[in-house]
Amino acid sequence: MISELRRKSQVTIPKELVMKLGLKEGDKLEIIEKNGTIQIMPVSVYPKKYVEDLKDEINNIKAKIQSGEQPIYDRVDELFNQLDGNDR
């Protein structure tokens, strides 16, 4: 597919790709140059506070796993049994 670089450095993404990727107006796209090619990737943008809170939660869980406070399950059904209060 060929697109044309327009005034103000604008490029139109072909409709087939927009539909295939489920893109819509207002979506954020990251544009990078790599080895002489241009790559465009859809991205999700989250508030910095949300990402920081998520990192803190992950670090807390890692610490609980290290201390043995957080159980680790080999199978999903073991987790569900524990959540349901069944010790099968």
N, C-alpha and C. Protein backbone atom coordinates (compact mmCIF):
# COMPACT_ATOMS: atom_id res chain seq x y z
N MET A 1 0.84 -1.18 0.00
CA MET A 1 0.00 0.00 0.00
C MET A 1 0.88 1.23 0.00
N ILE A 2 0.54 2.16 -0.80
CA ILE A 2 1.32 3.38 -0.91
C ILE A 2 0.49 4.55 -0.40
N SER A 3 1.12 5.35 0.47
CA SER A 3 0.51 6.59 0.95
C SER A 3 1.41 7.74 0.55
N GLU A 4 0.85 8.91 0.51
CA GLU A 4 1.59 10.09 0.10
C GLU A 4 1.81 11.01 1.30
N LEU A 5 3.02 11.52 1.42
CA LEU A 5 3.32 12.50 2.46
C LEU A 5 2.72 13.83 2.01
N ARG A 6 1.87 14.39 2.84
CA ARG A 6 1.16 15.62 2.50
C ARG A 6 1.72 16.81 3.25
N ARG A 7 1.12 17.95 2.98
CA ARG A 7 1.50 19.18 3.65
C ARG A 7 1.42 18.95 5.16
N LYS A 8 2.27 19.58 5.92
CA LYS A 8 2.35 19.46 7.38
C LYS A 8 2.76 18.04 7.79
N SER A 9 3.46 17.32 6.92
CA SER A 9 3.99 15.97 7.21
C SER A 9 2.91 14.96 7.54
N GLN A 10 1.71 15.10 7.00
CA GLN A 10 0.61 14.19 7.29
C GLN A 10 0.59 13.03 6.30
N VAL A 11 0.28 11.84 6.83
CA VAL A 11 0.16 10.62 6.03
C VAL A 11 -1.18 9.98 6.38
N THR A 12 -1.90 9.50 5.38
CA THR A 12 -3.15 8.80 5.62
C THR A 12 -2.87 7.30 5.70
N ILE A 13 -3.35 6.67 6.78
CA ILE A 13 -3.22 5.21 6.92
C ILE A 13 -4.34 4.58 6.10
N PRO A 14 -4.03 3.63 5.23
CA PRO A 14 -5.06 3.01 4.41
C PRO A 14 -6.20 2.43 5.24
N LYS A 15 -7.42 2.62 4.76
CA LYS A 15 -8.62 2.20 5.48
C LYS A 15 -8.58 0.72 5.85
N GLU A 16 -8.03 -0.12 4.96
CA GLU A 16 -7.96 -1.55 5.24
C GLU A 16 -7.17 -1.83 6.52
N LEU A 17 -6.06 -1.10 6.71
CA LEU A 17 -5.25 -1.29 7.91
C LEU A 17 -5.95 -0.74 9.15
N VAL A 18 -6.61 0.40 8.99
CA VAL A 18 -7.34 0.98 10.11
C VAL A 18 -8.41 0.01 10.60
N MET A 19 -9.13 -0.58 9.67
CA MET A 19 -10.18 -1.53 10.03
C MET A 19 -9.59 -2.81 10.61
N LYS A 20 -8.54 -3.33 9.98
CA LYS A 20 -7.91 -4.57 10.45
C LYS A 20 -7.40 -4.44 11.88
N LEU A 21 -6.83 -3.28 12.20
CA LEU A 21 -6.27 -3.05 13.53
C LEU A 21 -7.28 -2.49 14.52
N GLY A 22 -8.49 -2.18 14.05
CA GLY A 22 -9.51 -1.65 14.94
C GLY A 22 -9.20 -0.25 15.44
N LEU A 23 -8.51 0.53 14.63
CA LEU A 23 -8.16 1.89 15.05
C LEU A 23 -9.35 2.82 14.86
N LYS A 24 -9.36 3.87 15.68
CA LYS A 24 -10.42 4.87 15.55
C LYS A 24 -9.83 6.26 15.81
N GLU A 25 -10.56 7.26 15.42
CA GLU A 25 -10.10 8.63 15.60
C GLU A 25 -9.76 8.88 17.06
N GLY A 26 -8.64 9.51 17.29
CA GLY A 26 -8.21 9.82 18.65
C GLY A 26 -7.25 8.80 19.24
N ASP A 27 -7.12 7.62 18.61
CA ASP A 27 -6.16 6.63 19.10
C ASP A 27 -4.75 7.20 19.03
N LYS A 28 -3.91 6.80 19.96
CA LYS A 28 -2.52 7.26 19.99
C LYS A 28 -1.66 6.26 19.23
N LEU A 29 -0.70 6.80 18.47
CA LEU A 29 0.22 5.98 17.68
C LEU A 29 1.64 6.41 17.99
N GLU A 30 2.52 5.44 18.23
CA GLU A 30 3.94 5.75 18.41
C GLU A 30 4.62 5.56 17.07
N ILE A 31 5.42 6.54 16.68
CA ILE A 31 6.12 6.49 15.41
C ILE A 31 7.61 6.52 15.69
N ILE A 32 8.33 5.49 15.21
CA ILE A 32 9.77 5.43 15.42
C ILE A 32 10.46 5.12 14.09
N GLU A 33 11.72 5.50 14.04
CA GLU A 33 12.56 5.15 12.90
C GLU A 33 13.51 4.06 13.36
N LYS A 34 13.62 3.00 12.57
CA LYS A 34 14.52 1.90 12.90
C LYS A 34 15.16 1.40 11.61
N ASN A 35 16.47 1.53 11.55
CA ASN A 35 17.24 1.05 10.39
C ASN A 35 16.69 1.59 9.06
N GLY A 36 16.33 2.87 9.05
CA GLY A 36 15.87 3.49 7.82
C GLY A 36 14.41 3.24 7.48
N THR A 37 13.67 2.56 8.36
CA THR A 37 12.24 2.36 8.12
C THR A 37 11.45 3.11 9.18
N ILE A 38 10.22 3.44 8.87
CA ILE A 38 9.32 4.10 9.81
C ILE A 38 8.33 3.06 10.32
N GLN A 39 8.23 2.93 11.63
CA GLN A 39 7.28 1.99 12.24
C GLN A 39 6.23 2.78 13.00
N ILE A 40 4.98 2.40 12.81
CA ILE A 40 3.85 3.04 13.50
C ILE A 40 3.15 1.97 14.31
N MET A 41 3.02 2.20 15.62
CA MET A 41 2.40 1.21 16.51
C MET A 41 1.32 1.86 17.36
N PRO A 42 0.14 1.24 17.44
CA PRO A 42 -0.88 1.74 18.37
C PRO A 42 -0.39 1.58 19.81
N VAL A 43 -0.67 2.55 20.64
CA VAL A 43 -0.28 2.49 22.05
C VAL A 43 -1.45 2.90 22.93
N SER A 44 -1.40 2.45 24.17
CA SER A 44 -2.35 2.89 25.19
C SER A 44 -1.60 3.84 26.11
N VAL A 45 -2.23 4.92 26.46
CA VAL A 45 -1.62 5.90 27.33
C VAL A 45 -2.39 5.91 28.65
N TYR A 46 -1.64 5.74 29.75
CA TYR A 46 -2.25 5.72 31.08
C TYR A 46 -1.65 6.85 31.90
N PRO A 47 -2.42 7.38 32.85
CA PRO A 47 -1.87 8.43 33.72
C PRO A 47 -0.68 7.89 34.51
N LYS A 48 0.33 8.74 34.71
CA LYS A 48 1.54 8.35 35.42
C LYS A 48 1.23 7.76 36.80
N LYS A 49 0.30 8.34 37.51
CA LYS A 49 -0.08 7.87 38.85
C LYS A 49 -0.59 6.43 38.79
N TYR A 50 -1.39 6.10 37.79
CA TYR A 50 -1.91 4.74 37.62
C TYR A 50 -0.76 3.75 37.42
N VAL A 51 0.20 4.11 36.57
CA VAL A 51 1.34 3.22 36.31
C VAL A 51 2.18 3.06 37.57
N GLU A 52 2.41 4.13 38.30
CA GLU A 52 3.18 4.05 39.55
C GLU A 52 2.48 3.17 40.57
N ASP A 53 1.17 3.30 40.72
CA ASP A 53 0.41 2.46 41.65
C ASP A 53 0.48 0.99 41.24
N LEU A 54 0.40 0.73 39.94
CA LEU A 54 0.49 -0.64 39.44
C LEU A 54 1.87 -1.24 39.73
N LYS A 55 2.92 -0.46 39.52
CA LYS A 55 4.28 -0.92 39.83
C LYS A 55 4.42 -1.23 41.31
N ASP A 56 3.86 -0.37 42.17
CA ASP A 56 3.91 -0.60 43.62
C ASP A 56 3.21 -1.90 43.98
N GLU A 57 2.06 -2.14 43.38
CA GLU A 57 1.30 -3.36 43.66
C GLU A 57 2.09 -4.60 43.23
N ILE A 58 2.71 -4.54 42.08
CA ILE A 58 3.52 -5.66 41.59
C ILE A 58 4.69 -5.91 42.55
N ASN A 59 5.36 -4.85 42.98
CA ASN A 59 6.47 -5.00 43.92
C ASN A 59 6.01 -5.58 45.25
N ASN A 60 4.81 -5.18 45.72
CA ASN A 60 4.27 -5.74 46.96
C ASN A 60 4.00 -7.23 46.81
N ILE A 61 3.45 -7.64 45.69
CA ILE A 61 3.16 -9.06 45.46
C ILE A 61 4.46 -9.85 45.38
N LYS A 62 5.47 -9.30 44.68
CA LYS A 62 6.78 -9.97 44.60
C LYS A 62 7.37 -10.18 45.99
N ALA A 63 7.26 -9.15 46.85
CA ALA A 63 7.78 -9.25 48.21
C ALA A 63 7.03 -10.33 49.00
N LYS A 64 5.71 -10.40 48.82
CA LYS A 64 4.92 -11.42 49.51
C LYS A 64 5.28 -12.83 49.04
N ILE A 65 5.54 -12.97 47.75
CA ILE A 65 5.96 -14.27 47.22
C ILE A 65 7.30 -14.66 47.82
N GLN A 66 8.26 -13.72 47.87
CA GLN A 66 9.59 -13.99 48.44
C GLN A 66 9.50 -14.40 49.91
N SER A 67 8.60 -13.76 50.66
CA SER A 67 8.49 -14.05 52.10
C SER A 67 7.65 -15.29 52.37
N GLY A 68 6.98 -15.84 51.34
CA GLY A 68 6.14 -17.01 51.53
C GLY A 68 4.72 -16.66 51.95
N GLU A 69 4.44 -15.38 52.07
CA GLU A 69 3.11 -14.92 52.49
C GLU A 69 2.07 -15.10 51.38
N GLN A 70 2.52 -15.00 50.11
CA GLN A 70 1.63 -15.14 48.95
C GLN A 70 1.74 -16.56 48.41
N PRO A 71 0.64 -17.35 48.46
CA PRO A 71 0.72 -18.70 47.91
C PRO A 71 0.91 -18.67 46.40
N ILE A 72 1.58 -19.72 45.92
CA ILE A 72 1.79 -19.89 44.48
C ILE A 72 1.10 -21.17 44.07
N TYR A 73 0.35 -21.11 42.98
CA TYR A 73 -0.42 -22.27 42.53
C TYR A 73 0.16 -22.81 41.23
N ASP A 74 0.20 -24.14 41.14
CA ASP A 74 0.69 -24.79 39.93
C ASP A 74 -0.40 -24.88 38.87
N ARG A 75 -1.65 -24.87 39.31
CA ARG A 75 -2.77 -25.00 38.37
C ARG A 75 -3.85 -24.00 38.74
N VAL A 76 -4.57 -23.54 37.74
CA VAL A 76 -5.63 -22.55 37.94
C VAL A 76 -6.73 -23.11 38.84
N ASP A 77 -7.06 -24.39 38.69
CA ASP A 77 -8.13 -24.96 39.51
C ASP A 77 -7.76 -24.96 40.99
N GLU A 78 -6.47 -25.06 41.32
CA GLU A 78 -6.05 -24.96 42.72
C GLU A 78 -6.37 -23.57 43.28
N LEU A 79 -6.10 -22.56 42.48
CA LEU A 79 -6.41 -21.19 42.89
C LEU A 79 -7.91 -21.02 43.11
N PHE A 80 -8.72 -21.50 42.15
CA PHE A 80 -10.17 -21.36 42.27
C PHE A 80 -10.70 -22.13 43.49
N ASN A 81 -10.15 -23.30 43.74
CA ASN A 81 -10.58 -24.06 44.92
C ASN A 81 -10.27 -23.28 46.20
N GLN A 82 -9.10 -22.66 46.24
CA GLN A 82 -8.74 -21.84 47.41
C GLN A 82 -9.68 -20.65 47.56
N LEU A 83 -9.99 -20.00 46.44
CA LEU A 83 -10.90 -18.85 46.49
C LEU A 83 -12.30 -19.25 46.89
N ASP A 84 -12.73 -20.46 46.48
CA ASP A 84 -14.06 -20.96 46.84
C ASP A 84 -14.12 -21.54 48.24
N GLY A 85 -12.94 -21.67 48.88
CA GLY A 85 -12.91 -22.25 50.23
C GLY A 85 -12.86 -23.75 50.22
N ASN A 86 -12.59 -24.36 49.09
CA ASN A 86 -12.46 -25.82 48.98
C ASN A 86 -10.98 -26.18 49.03
N ASP A 87 -10.64 -27.16 49.81
CA ASP A 87 -9.25 -27.58 49.92
C ASP A 87 -9.01 -28.93 49.24
N ARG A 88 -9.57 -29.10 48.06
CA ARG A 88 -9.40 -30.37 47.34
C ARG A 88 -8.02 -30.54 46.83
